[in-house]
Amino acid sequence: LFTMGLKADWVLERLPPDSPLVRPLRNIKKLASLGTAQVRDAIFALSSSAMQEGGLVSMLYTLIHDLRESTSIEADLVVAEWTVSLPSHIENVLFTVAQEALSNVRRHAQATTVIVTVQITGEQAVLVVQDNGIGLSPLVLQTYRDNATHLGLTGMHRRLEDLEGQFLLTNGEEGGLIVKAVVPL
């Protein structure tokens, strides 16, 4: 679905604005975007039930293990501090952010290393996913929320906003991308 939307977008950019194909292609692009969002929501719902069985740290270890086993990327999980229990809805959002960020590392980052860090204090929960890949262009960093081709980034941002949290996306000083999710407790 995602690729179908990208292809429709690619064709739209090359068509004259008055082409009779513009309207049907816009509809295809919109349907692909909606379908992709529904698939992501279904995956989120399924991961929520798995989360109840093992908790956030267990699920993050599983993500890290799967990434190591299926790629040549060195991946590590660091639990810096964990002083309070998290409500399940916050665990679910943090897991989904980690899952999407690691999926992006696998597909786009050209990274050799990624570190996932979790810090839970009485005031906030912080999840950081940092890789040593190619990072994002300044344009994408500024406009991803307005661009239908960056649904994963937009979805992470939206989920954190729903919790009155923050989604921070920056390139690292020495390269790579830093995805940071902060949720007040």
N, C-alpha and C. Protein backbone atom coordinates (compact mmCIF):
# COMPACT_ATOMS: atom_id res chain seq x y z
N LEU A 1 0.82 -1.20 0.00
CA LEU A 1 0.00 0.00 0.00
C LEU A 1 0.86 1.26 0.00
N PHE A 2 1.88 1.23 0.85
CA PHE A 2 2.76 2.39 0.95
C PHE A 2 3.44 2.66 -0.40
N THR A 3 3.94 1.60 -1.03
CA THR A 3 4.61 1.74 -2.32
C THR A 3 3.64 2.22 -3.38
N MET A 4 2.41 1.74 -3.32
CA MET A 4 1.40 2.19 -4.27
C MET A 4 1.18 3.70 -4.14
N GLY A 5 1.13 4.19 -2.93
CA GLY A 5 0.99 5.63 -2.71
C GLY A 5 2.18 6.41 -3.24
N LEU A 6 3.38 5.88 -3.03
CA LEU A 6 4.59 6.53 -3.56
C LEU A 6 4.57 6.58 -5.08
N LYS A 7 4.16 5.47 -5.70
CA LYS A 7 4.10 5.41 -7.17
C LYS A 7 3.08 6.41 -7.70
N ALA A 8 1.93 6.50 -7.06
CA ALA A 8 0.91 7.46 -7.48
C ALA A 8 1.45 8.88 -7.35
N ASP A 9 2.15 9.16 -6.27
CA ASP A 9 2.76 10.47 -6.06
C ASP A 9 3.78 10.78 -7.15
N TRP A 10 4.60 9.78 -7.49
CA TRP A 10 5.62 9.94 -8.53
C TRP A 10 4.97 10.29 -9.86
N VAL A 11 3.89 9.60 -10.22
CA VAL A 11 3.19 9.87 -11.48
C VAL A 11 2.55 11.25 -11.44
N LEU A 12 1.94 11.61 -10.31
CA LEU A 12 1.30 12.92 -10.18
C LEU A 12 2.28 14.06 -10.41
N GLU A 13 3.50 13.90 -9.93
CA GLU A 13 4.51 14.95 -10.11
C GLU A 13 4.88 15.15 -11.57
N ARG A 14 4.66 14.14 -12.39
CA ARG A 14 5.06 14.21 -13.78
C ARG A 14 3.92 14.52 -14.74
N LEU A 15 2.70 14.52 -14.25
CA LEU A 15 1.54 14.81 -15.09
C LEU A 15 1.24 16.30 -15.13
N PRO A 16 0.72 16.77 -16.25
CA PRO A 16 0.24 18.15 -16.27
C PRO A 16 -0.97 18.28 -15.33
N PRO A 17 -1.12 19.43 -14.69
CA PRO A 17 -2.19 19.60 -13.70
C PRO A 17 -3.60 19.37 -14.25
N ASP A 18 -3.79 19.56 -15.55
CA ASP A 18 -5.12 19.41 -16.13
C ASP A 18 -5.37 18.01 -16.70
N SER A 19 -4.49 17.08 -16.45
CA SER A 19 -4.65 15.72 -16.95
C SER A 19 -5.86 15.06 -16.31
N PRO A 20 -6.63 14.28 -17.07
CA PRO A 20 -7.77 13.57 -16.49
C PRO A 20 -7.35 12.48 -15.50
N LEU A 21 -6.08 12.15 -15.45
CA LEU A 21 -5.59 11.13 -14.52
C LEU A 21 -5.29 11.67 -13.12
N VAL A 22 -5.22 13.00 -12.99
CA VAL A 22 -4.83 13.60 -11.71
C VAL A 22 -5.80 13.21 -10.59
N ARG A 23 -7.09 13.36 -10.82
CA ARG A 23 -8.07 13.08 -9.78
C ARG A 23 -8.06 11.61 -9.35
N PRO A 24 -8.11 10.65 -10.30
CA PRO A 24 -8.06 9.25 -9.87
C PRO A 24 -6.76 8.89 -9.14
N LEU A 25 -5.64 9.47 -9.56
CA LEU A 25 -4.38 9.19 -8.88
C LEU A 25 -4.35 9.77 -7.47
N ARG A 26 -4.95 10.93 -7.29
CA ARG A 26 -5.05 11.50 -5.94
C ARG A 26 -5.90 10.61 -5.04
N ASN A 27 -6.97 10.06 -5.61
CA ASN A 27 -7.81 9.13 -4.84
C ASN A 27 -7.03 7.87 -4.47
N ILE A 28 -6.26 7.34 -5.41
CA ILE A 28 -5.43 6.16 -5.14
C ILE A 28 -4.45 6.46 -4.02
N LYS A 29 -3.81 7.63 -4.12
CA LYS A 29 -2.83 8.02 -3.10
C LYS A 29 -3.50 8.12 -1.72
N LYS A 30 -4.69 8.72 -1.68
CA LYS A 30 -5.41 8.88 -0.41
C LYS A 30 -5.82 7.51 0.15
N LEU A 31 -6.33 6.63 -0.70
CA LEU A 31 -6.73 5.30 -0.24
C LEU A 31 -5.53 4.49 0.25
N ALA A 32 -4.41 4.61 -0.45
CA ALA A 32 -3.19 3.91 -0.01
C ALA A 32 -2.75 4.41 1.36
N SER A 33 -2.84 5.72 1.56
CA SER A 33 -2.45 6.30 2.84
C SER A 33 -3.38 5.82 3.96
N LEU A 34 -4.67 5.82 3.70
CA LEU A 34 -5.63 5.36 4.71
C LEU A 34 -5.45 3.87 5.00
N GLY A 35 -5.23 3.08 3.96
CA GLY A 35 -5.00 1.65 4.15
C GLY A 35 -3.76 1.37 4.97
N THR A 36 -2.70 2.11 4.69
CA THR A 36 -1.46 1.95 5.44
C THR A 36 -1.68 2.29 6.91
N ALA A 37 -2.42 3.35 7.17
CA ALA A 37 -2.70 3.74 8.56
C ALA A 37 -3.52 2.66 9.27
N GLN A 38 -4.48 2.06 8.56
CA GLN A 38 -5.28 1.00 9.17
C GLN A 38 -4.44 -0.24 9.48
N VAL A 39 -3.52 -0.57 8.58
CA VAL A 39 -2.63 -1.70 8.84
C VAL A 39 -1.77 -1.43 10.07
N ARG A 40 -1.24 -0.21 10.17
CA ARG A 40 -0.42 0.15 11.33
C ARG A 40 -1.24 0.06 12.62
N ASP A 41 -2.49 0.52 12.57
CA ASP A 41 -3.33 0.45 13.76
C ASP A 41 -3.61 -1.01 14.16
N ALA A 42 -3.81 -1.87 13.17
CA ALA A 42 -4.04 -3.29 13.45
C ALA A 42 -2.81 -3.91 14.09
N ILE A 43 -1.64 -3.58 13.57
CA ILE A 43 -0.39 -4.09 14.15
C ILE A 43 -0.24 -3.58 15.58
N PHE A 44 -0.58 -2.32 15.80
CA PHE A 44 -0.51 -1.74 17.14
C PHE A 44 -1.43 -2.49 18.10
N ALA A 45 -2.64 -2.80 17.65
CA ALA A 45 -3.58 -3.52 18.50
C ALA A 45 -3.06 -4.91 18.84
N LEU A 46 -2.47 -5.59 17.87
CA LEU A 46 -1.91 -6.91 18.12
C LEU A 46 -0.73 -6.84 19.08
N SER A 47 0.11 -5.82 18.91
CA SER A 47 1.27 -5.70 19.79
C SER A 47 0.84 -5.36 21.21
N SER A 48 -0.30 -4.71 21.37
CA SER A 48 -0.80 -4.37 22.70
C SER A 48 -1.08 -5.62 23.52
N SER A 49 -1.67 -6.64 22.89
CA SER A 49 -1.96 -7.87 23.63
C SER A 49 -0.67 -8.60 23.98
N ALA A 50 0.32 -8.57 23.09
CA ALA A 50 1.61 -9.20 23.39
C ALA A 50 2.31 -8.45 24.53
N MET A 51 2.13 -7.14 24.58
CA MET A 51 2.77 -6.32 25.60
C MET A 51 2.29 -6.73 26.99
N GLN A 52 1.01 -7.07 27.10
CA GLN A 52 0.46 -7.43 28.40
C GLN A 52 1.14 -8.68 28.96
N GLU A 53 1.65 -9.54 28.09
CA GLU A 53 2.26 -10.78 28.54
C GLU A 53 3.69 -10.58 29.06
N GLY A 54 4.46 -9.64 28.48
CA GLY A 54 5.87 -9.56 28.84
C GLY A 54 6.36 -8.22 29.29
N GLY A 55 5.62 -7.17 29.08
CA GLY A 55 6.06 -5.85 29.46
C GLY A 55 6.97 -5.21 28.43
N LEU A 56 7.22 -3.93 28.61
CA LEU A 56 7.96 -3.14 27.64
C LEU A 56 9.39 -3.64 27.44
N VAL A 57 10.12 -3.86 28.51
CA VAL A 57 11.53 -4.26 28.37
C VAL A 57 11.63 -5.58 27.61
N SER A 58 10.78 -6.53 27.95
CA SER A 58 10.79 -7.82 27.26
C SER A 58 10.53 -7.65 25.77
N MET A 59 9.55 -6.84 25.43
CA MET A 59 9.21 -6.62 24.02
C MET A 59 10.33 -5.87 23.29
N LEU A 60 10.98 -4.93 23.98
CA LEU A 60 12.11 -4.22 23.35
C LEU A 60 13.28 -5.17 23.11
N TYR A 61 13.54 -6.05 24.08
CA TYR A 61 14.60 -7.05 23.87
C TYR A 61 14.27 -7.94 22.66
N THR A 62 13.01 -8.28 22.50
CA THR A 62 12.61 -9.08 21.35
C THR A 62 12.85 -8.33 20.05
N LEU A 63 12.50 -7.04 20.02
CA LEU A 63 12.76 -6.23 18.82
C LEU A 63 14.25 -6.18 18.50
N ILE A 64 15.07 -5.96 19.52
CA ILE A 64 16.52 -5.89 19.34
C ILE A 64 17.05 -7.23 18.84
N HIS A 65 16.61 -8.31 19.45
CA HIS A 65 17.05 -9.64 19.04
C HIS A 65 16.67 -9.91 17.58
N ASP A 66 15.44 -9.60 17.21
CA ASP A 66 15.00 -9.82 15.83
C ASP A 66 15.81 -9.00 14.84
N LEU A 67 16.14 -7.77 15.20
CA LEU A 67 16.94 -6.92 14.32
C LEU A 67 18.34 -7.52 14.14
N ARG A 68 18.94 -7.95 15.24
CA ARG A 68 20.28 -8.56 15.17
C ARG A 68 20.27 -9.82 14.31
N GLU A 69 19.24 -10.64 14.48
CA GLU A 69 19.18 -11.92 13.77
C GLU A 69 18.91 -11.76 12.27
N SER A 70 18.19 -10.72 11.90
CA SER A 70 17.78 -10.58 10.50
C SER A 70 18.62 -9.59 9.69
N THR A 71 19.56 -8.90 10.34
CA THR A 71 20.41 -7.93 9.64
C THR A 71 21.83 -8.04 10.19
N SER A 72 22.72 -7.26 9.63
CA SER A 72 24.08 -7.18 10.16
C SER A 72 24.24 -5.99 11.10
N ILE A 73 23.13 -5.38 11.49
CA ILE A 73 23.16 -4.21 12.37
C ILE A 73 23.41 -4.65 13.81
N GLU A 74 24.39 -4.04 14.45
CA GLU A 74 24.64 -4.26 15.88
C GLU A 74 23.60 -3.44 16.65
N ALA A 75 22.83 -4.09 17.49
CA ALA A 75 21.77 -3.40 18.21
C ALA A 75 21.86 -3.72 19.69
N ASP A 76 21.63 -2.71 20.52
CA ASP A 76 21.68 -2.88 21.97
C ASP A 76 20.54 -2.12 22.63
N LEU A 77 20.12 -2.64 23.77
CA LEU A 77 19.12 -1.98 24.60
C LEU A 77 19.77 -1.61 25.92
N VAL A 78 19.60 -0.35 26.32
CA VAL A 78 20.11 0.13 27.60
C VAL A 78 18.92 0.63 28.41
N VAL A 79 18.73 0.04 29.58
CA VAL A 79 17.71 0.54 30.50
C VAL A 79 18.46 1.37 31.53
N ALA A 80 18.44 2.69 31.32
CA ALA A 80 19.24 3.61 32.13
C ALA A 80 18.69 3.76 33.54
N GLU A 81 17.39 3.81 33.65
CA GLU A 81 16.76 4.02 34.96
C GLU A 81 15.30 3.61 34.84
N TRP A 82 14.78 2.97 35.88
CA TRP A 82 13.37 2.57 35.85
C TRP A 82 12.87 2.59 37.28
N THR A 83 12.31 3.73 37.69
CA THR A 83 11.94 3.89 39.10
C THR A 83 10.45 3.72 39.38
N VAL A 84 9.61 3.73 38.34
CA VAL A 84 8.17 3.58 38.54
C VAL A 84 7.60 2.67 37.46
N SER A 85 6.45 2.07 37.77
CA SER A 85 5.74 1.27 36.77
C SER A 85 5.03 2.19 35.79
N LEU A 86 4.94 1.72 34.55
CA LEU A 86 4.26 2.51 33.53
C LEU A 86 2.86 1.97 33.28
N PRO A 87 1.90 2.85 33.05
CA PRO A 87 0.59 2.39 32.60
C PRO A 87 0.74 1.69 31.25
N SER A 88 -0.12 0.71 30.99
CA SER A 88 0.02 -0.09 29.77
C SER A 88 -0.12 0.76 28.51
N HIS A 89 -0.97 1.79 28.52
CA HIS A 89 -1.12 2.59 27.30
C HIS A 89 0.17 3.35 26.97
N ILE A 90 0.94 3.74 27.97
CA ILE A 90 2.22 4.41 27.72
C ILE A 90 3.25 3.40 27.24
N GLU A 91 3.27 2.21 27.85
CA GLU A 91 4.16 1.15 27.36
C GLU A 91 3.88 0.84 25.90
N ASN A 92 2.60 0.76 25.55
CA ASN A 92 2.22 0.45 24.16
C ASN A 92 2.73 1.50 23.19
N VAL A 93 2.59 2.76 23.55
CA VAL A 93 3.05 3.83 22.66
C VAL A 93 4.58 3.81 22.54
N LEU A 94 5.27 3.65 23.65
CA LEU A 94 6.74 3.60 23.58
C LEU A 94 7.21 2.41 22.76
N PHE A 95 6.56 1.27 22.91
CA PHE A 95 6.91 0.10 22.11
C PHE A 95 6.68 0.37 20.62
N THR A 96 5.55 0.97 20.29
CA THR A 96 5.24 1.26 18.90
C THR A 96 6.25 2.23 18.30
N VAL A 97 6.66 3.23 19.07
CA VAL A 97 7.68 4.18 18.59
C VAL A 97 8.99 3.44 18.34
N ALA A 98 9.39 2.60 19.28
CA ALA A 98 10.63 1.83 19.10
C ALA A 98 10.53 0.92 17.88
N GLN A 99 9.40 0.27 17.72
CA GLN A 99 9.19 -0.64 16.59
C GLN A 99 9.30 0.10 15.26
N GLU A 100 8.65 1.24 15.16
CA GLU A 100 8.69 2.02 13.92
C GLU A 100 10.09 2.58 13.68
N ALA A 101 10.72 3.09 14.72
CA ALA A 101 12.07 3.65 14.57
C ALA A 101 13.06 2.58 14.12
N LEU A 102 12.97 1.38 14.70
CA LEU A 102 13.87 0.29 14.30
C LEU A 102 13.55 -0.21 12.89
N SER A 103 12.30 -0.17 12.52
CA SER A 103 11.93 -0.52 11.15
C SER A 103 12.55 0.46 10.16
N ASN A 104 12.53 1.74 10.52
CA ASN A 104 13.15 2.76 9.67
C ASN A 104 14.67 2.57 9.59
N VAL A 105 15.29 2.20 10.71
CA VAL A 105 16.73 1.93 10.71
C VAL A 105 17.02 0.79 9.73
N ARG A 106 16.24 -0.26 9.82
CA ARG A 106 16.42 -1.43 8.96
C ARG A 106 16.26 -1.07 7.47
N ARG A 107 15.24 -0.28 7.16
CA ARG A 107 14.91 -0.02 5.76
C ARG A 107 15.65 1.15 5.13
N HIS A 108 15.97 2.18 5.93
CA HIS A 108 16.43 3.42 5.31
C HIS A 108 17.79 3.93 5.78
N ALA A 109 18.21 3.62 6.98
CA ALA A 109 19.31 4.35 7.62
C ALA A 109 20.70 4.00 7.11
N GLN A 110 20.85 2.82 6.53
CA GLN A 110 22.18 2.34 6.14
C GLN A 110 23.12 2.34 7.35
N ALA A 111 22.57 1.98 8.49
CA ALA A 111 23.32 2.00 9.75
C ALA A 111 23.99 0.66 10.00
N THR A 112 25.05 0.70 10.80
CA THR A 112 25.70 -0.52 11.26
C THR A 112 25.46 -0.74 12.75
N THR A 113 25.01 0.30 13.44
CA THR A 113 24.79 0.22 14.88
C THR A 113 23.55 1.04 15.26
N VAL A 114 22.78 0.51 16.21
CA VAL A 114 21.66 1.26 16.77
C VAL A 114 21.59 0.94 18.26
N ILE A 115 21.29 1.96 19.04
CA ILE A 115 21.14 1.80 20.49
C ILE A 115 19.77 2.33 20.89
N VAL A 116 19.04 1.52 21.63
CA VAL A 116 17.74 1.92 22.18
C VAL A 116 17.95 2.12 23.68
N THR A 117 17.59 3.30 24.16
CA THR A 117 17.75 3.62 25.58
C THR A 117 16.39 3.96 26.17
N VAL A 118 16.12 3.41 27.35
CA VAL A 118 14.88 3.69 28.07
C VAL A 118 15.24 4.24 29.44
N GLN A 119 14.56 5.32 29.82
CA GLN A 119 14.74 5.90 31.15
C GLN A 119 13.37 6.28 31.68
N ILE A 120 13.00 5.69 32.81
CA ILE A 120 11.69 5.93 33.42
C ILE A 120 11.92 6.49 34.81
N THR A 121 11.47 7.71 35.05
CA THR A 121 11.56 8.32 36.37
C THR A 121 10.15 8.66 36.84
N GLY A 122 10.03 9.27 37.99
CA GLY A 122 8.72 9.67 38.48
C GLY A 122 8.05 10.73 37.64
N GLU A 123 8.86 11.49 36.90
CA GLU A 123 8.31 12.61 36.12
C GLU A 123 8.02 12.26 34.67
N GLN A 124 8.85 11.38 34.08
CA GLN A 124 8.69 11.14 32.64
C GLN A 124 9.28 9.80 32.22
N ALA A 125 8.80 9.35 31.08
CA ALA A 125 9.36 8.17 30.42
C ALA A 125 10.05 8.66 29.15
N VAL A 126 11.29 8.23 28.94
CA VAL A 126 12.06 8.67 27.78
C VAL A 126 12.56 7.44 27.04
N LEU A 127 12.31 7.42 25.74
CA LEU A 127 12.82 6.37 24.86
C LEU A 127 13.65 7.05 23.79
N VAL A 128 14.87 6.58 23.57
CA VAL A 128 15.74 7.15 22.53
C VAL A 128 16.21 6.01 21.64
N VAL A 129 16.07 6.19 20.34
CA VAL A 129 16.61 5.25 19.35
C VAL A 129 17.61 6.05 18.53
N GLN A 130 18.89 5.66 18.62
CA GLN A 130 19.94 6.40 17.92
C GLN A 130 20.75 5.43 17.07
N ASP A 131 20.91 5.79 15.79
CA ASP A 131 21.69 4.95 14.89
C ASP A 131 22.87 5.74 14.33
N ASN A 132 23.76 5.05 13.63
CA ASN A 132 24.92 5.71 13.02
C ASN A 132 24.80 5.74 11.50
N GLY A 133 23.58 5.78 11.01
CA GLY A 133 23.34 5.76 9.57
C GLY A 133 23.47 7.12 8.92
N ILE A 134 22.70 7.31 7.84
CA ILE A 134 22.83 8.51 7.01
C ILE A 134 21.99 9.69 7.51
N GLY A 135 21.13 9.47 8.48
CA GLY A 135 20.30 10.56 8.99
C GLY A 135 19.23 10.95 7.99
N LEU A 136 18.62 12.10 8.23
CA LEU A 136 17.58 12.63 7.35
C LEU A 136 18.00 13.99 6.83
N SER A 137 17.48 14.34 5.68
CA SER A 137 17.77 15.66 5.13
C SER A 137 17.10 16.72 5.99
N PRO A 138 17.66 17.93 6.02
CA PRO A 138 17.02 19.01 6.78
C PRO A 138 15.58 19.25 6.33
N LEU A 139 15.31 19.08 5.04
CA LEU A 139 13.95 19.28 4.53
C LEU A 139 12.99 18.27 5.15
N VAL A 140 13.36 17.01 5.21
CA VAL A 140 12.50 15.99 5.81
C VAL A 140 12.30 16.27 7.29
N LEU A 141 13.36 16.66 7.99
CA LEU A 141 13.24 16.98 9.42
C LEU A 141 12.23 18.09 9.67
N GLN A 142 12.13 19.03 8.74
CA GLN A 142 11.23 20.17 8.91
C GLN A 142 9.81 19.87 8.44
N THR A 143 9.65 18.99 7.44
CA THR A 143 8.35 18.86 6.78
C THR A 143 7.70 17.49 6.89
N TYR A 144 8.26 16.54 7.64
CA TYR A 144 7.72 15.18 7.64
C TYR A 144 6.25 15.13 8.08
N ARG A 145 5.81 16.03 8.94
CA ARG A 145 4.42 16.01 9.41
C ARG A 145 3.44 16.39 8.31
N ASP A 146 3.91 17.13 7.32
CA ASP A 146 3.03 17.59 6.25
C ASP A 146 3.14 16.73 4.99
N ASN A 147 3.93 15.67 5.04
CA ASN A 147 4.21 14.88 3.85
C ASN A 147 3.64 13.48 4.03
N ALA A 148 2.76 13.09 3.13
CA ALA A 148 2.09 11.79 3.23
C ALA A 148 3.04 10.61 3.06
N THR A 149 4.25 10.85 2.58
CA THR A 149 5.18 9.73 2.39
C THR A 149 5.92 9.36 3.67
N HIS A 150 5.75 10.12 4.73
CA HIS A 150 6.44 9.84 5.99
C HIS A 150 5.43 9.46 7.07
N LEU A 151 4.60 8.47 6.76
CA LEU A 151 3.53 8.08 7.68
C LEU A 151 4.05 7.54 9.01
N GLY A 152 5.16 6.83 8.98
CA GLY A 152 5.72 6.29 10.22
C GLY A 152 6.13 7.39 11.18
N LEU A 153 6.84 8.39 10.65
CA LEU A 153 7.27 9.51 11.49
C LEU A 153 6.05 10.28 12.00
N THR A 154 5.10 10.51 11.10
CA THR A 154 3.89 11.24 11.48
C THR A 154 3.11 10.47 12.54
N GLY A 155 3.02 9.15 12.38
CA GLY A 155 2.31 8.32 13.36
C GLY A 155 2.95 8.36 14.73
N MET A 156 4.29 8.30 14.77
CA MET A 156 4.98 8.38 16.06
C MET A 156 4.68 9.72 16.73
N HIS A 157 4.78 10.79 15.94
CA HIS A 157 4.54 12.14 16.45
C HIS A 157 3.12 12.26 17.01
N ARG A 158 2.15 11.76 16.26
CA ARG A 158 0.75 11.85 16.65
C ARG A 158 0.48 11.07 17.95
N ARG A 159 1.03 9.86 18.04
CA ARG A 159 0.81 9.04 19.24
C ARG A 159 1.36 9.73 20.49
N LEU A 160 2.51 10.36 20.36
CA LEU A 160 3.09 11.05 21.51
C LEU A 160 2.32 12.32 21.85
N GLU A 161 1.86 13.03 20.84
CA GLU A 161 1.02 14.21 21.10
C GLU A 161 -0.24 13.81 21.85
N ASP A 162 -0.82 12.64 21.49
CA ASP A 162 -2.03 12.17 22.17
C ASP A 162 -1.80 11.97 23.67
N LEU A 163 -0.55 11.71 24.06
CA LEU A 163 -0.20 11.54 25.48
C LEU A 163 0.38 12.82 26.08
N GLU A 164 0.26 13.93 25.35
CA GLU A 164 0.85 15.21 25.74
C GLU A 164 2.37 15.09 25.89
N GLY A 165 2.94 14.20 25.08
CA GLY A 165 4.38 13.99 25.09
C GLY A 165 5.05 14.74 23.96
N GLN A 166 6.34 14.47 23.82
CA GLN A 166 7.13 15.13 22.78
C GLN A 166 7.76 14.07 21.88
N PHE A 167 7.81 14.38 20.59
CA PHE A 167 8.52 13.56 19.62
C PHE A 167 9.61 14.43 19.03
N LEU A 168 10.86 14.05 19.26
CA LEU A 168 11.99 14.84 18.78
C LEU A 168 12.76 14.02 17.78
N LEU A 169 13.05 14.62 16.65
CA LEU A 169 13.73 13.95 15.55
C LEU A 169 14.88 14.84 15.11
N THR A 170 16.11 14.37 15.31
CA THR A 170 17.28 15.18 14.95
C THR A 170 18.37 14.28 14.38
N ASN A 171 19.22 14.87 13.59
CA ASN A 171 20.41 14.17 13.15
C ASN A 171 21.45 14.26 14.25
N GLY A 172 22.21 13.20 14.44
CA GLY A 172 23.27 13.18 15.44
C GLY A 172 24.44 14.05 15.00
N GLU A 173 25.21 14.51 15.94
CA GLU A 173 26.37 15.37 15.63
C GLU A 173 27.38 14.65 14.75
N GLU A 174 27.51 13.35 14.93
CA GLU A 174 28.47 12.58 14.14
C GLU A 174 27.77 11.71 13.10
N GLY A 175 26.56 12.08 12.72
CA GLY A 175 25.80 11.31 11.74
C GLY A 175 24.70 10.52 12.40
N GLY A 176 23.92 9.87 11.58
CA GLY A 176 22.83 9.06 12.08
C GLY A 176 21.63 9.90 12.49
N LEU A 177 20.63 9.21 12.98
CA LEU A 177 19.39 9.85 13.38
C LEU A 177 19.11 9.53 14.85
N ILE A 178 18.53 10.51 15.54
CA ILE A 178 18.11 10.34 16.93
C ILE A 178 16.59 10.53 16.98
N VAL A 179 15.89 9.50 17.39
CA VAL A 179 14.45 9.56 17.61
C VAL A 179 14.25 9.54 19.12
N LYS A 180 13.59 10.57 19.64
CA LYS A 180 13.40 10.67 21.09
C LYS A 180 11.92 10.86 21.40
N ALA A 181 11.42 9.99 22.26
CA ALA A 181 10.03 10.07 22.71
C ALA A 181 10.04 10.38 24.20
N VAL A 182 9.33 11.43 24.59
CA VAL A 182 9.25 11.82 26.00
C VAL A 182 7.77 11.89 26.38
N VAL A 183 7.42 11.15 27.43
CA VAL A 183 6.03 11.13 27.89
C VAL A 183 6.00 11.53 29.36
N PRO A 184 5.24 12.58 29.70
CA PRO A 184 5.13 12.95 31.11
C PRO A 184 4.31 11.90 31.87
N LEU A 185 4.68 11.68 33.12
CA LEU A 185 3.95 10.70 33.95
C LEU A 185 3.14 11.39 35.03
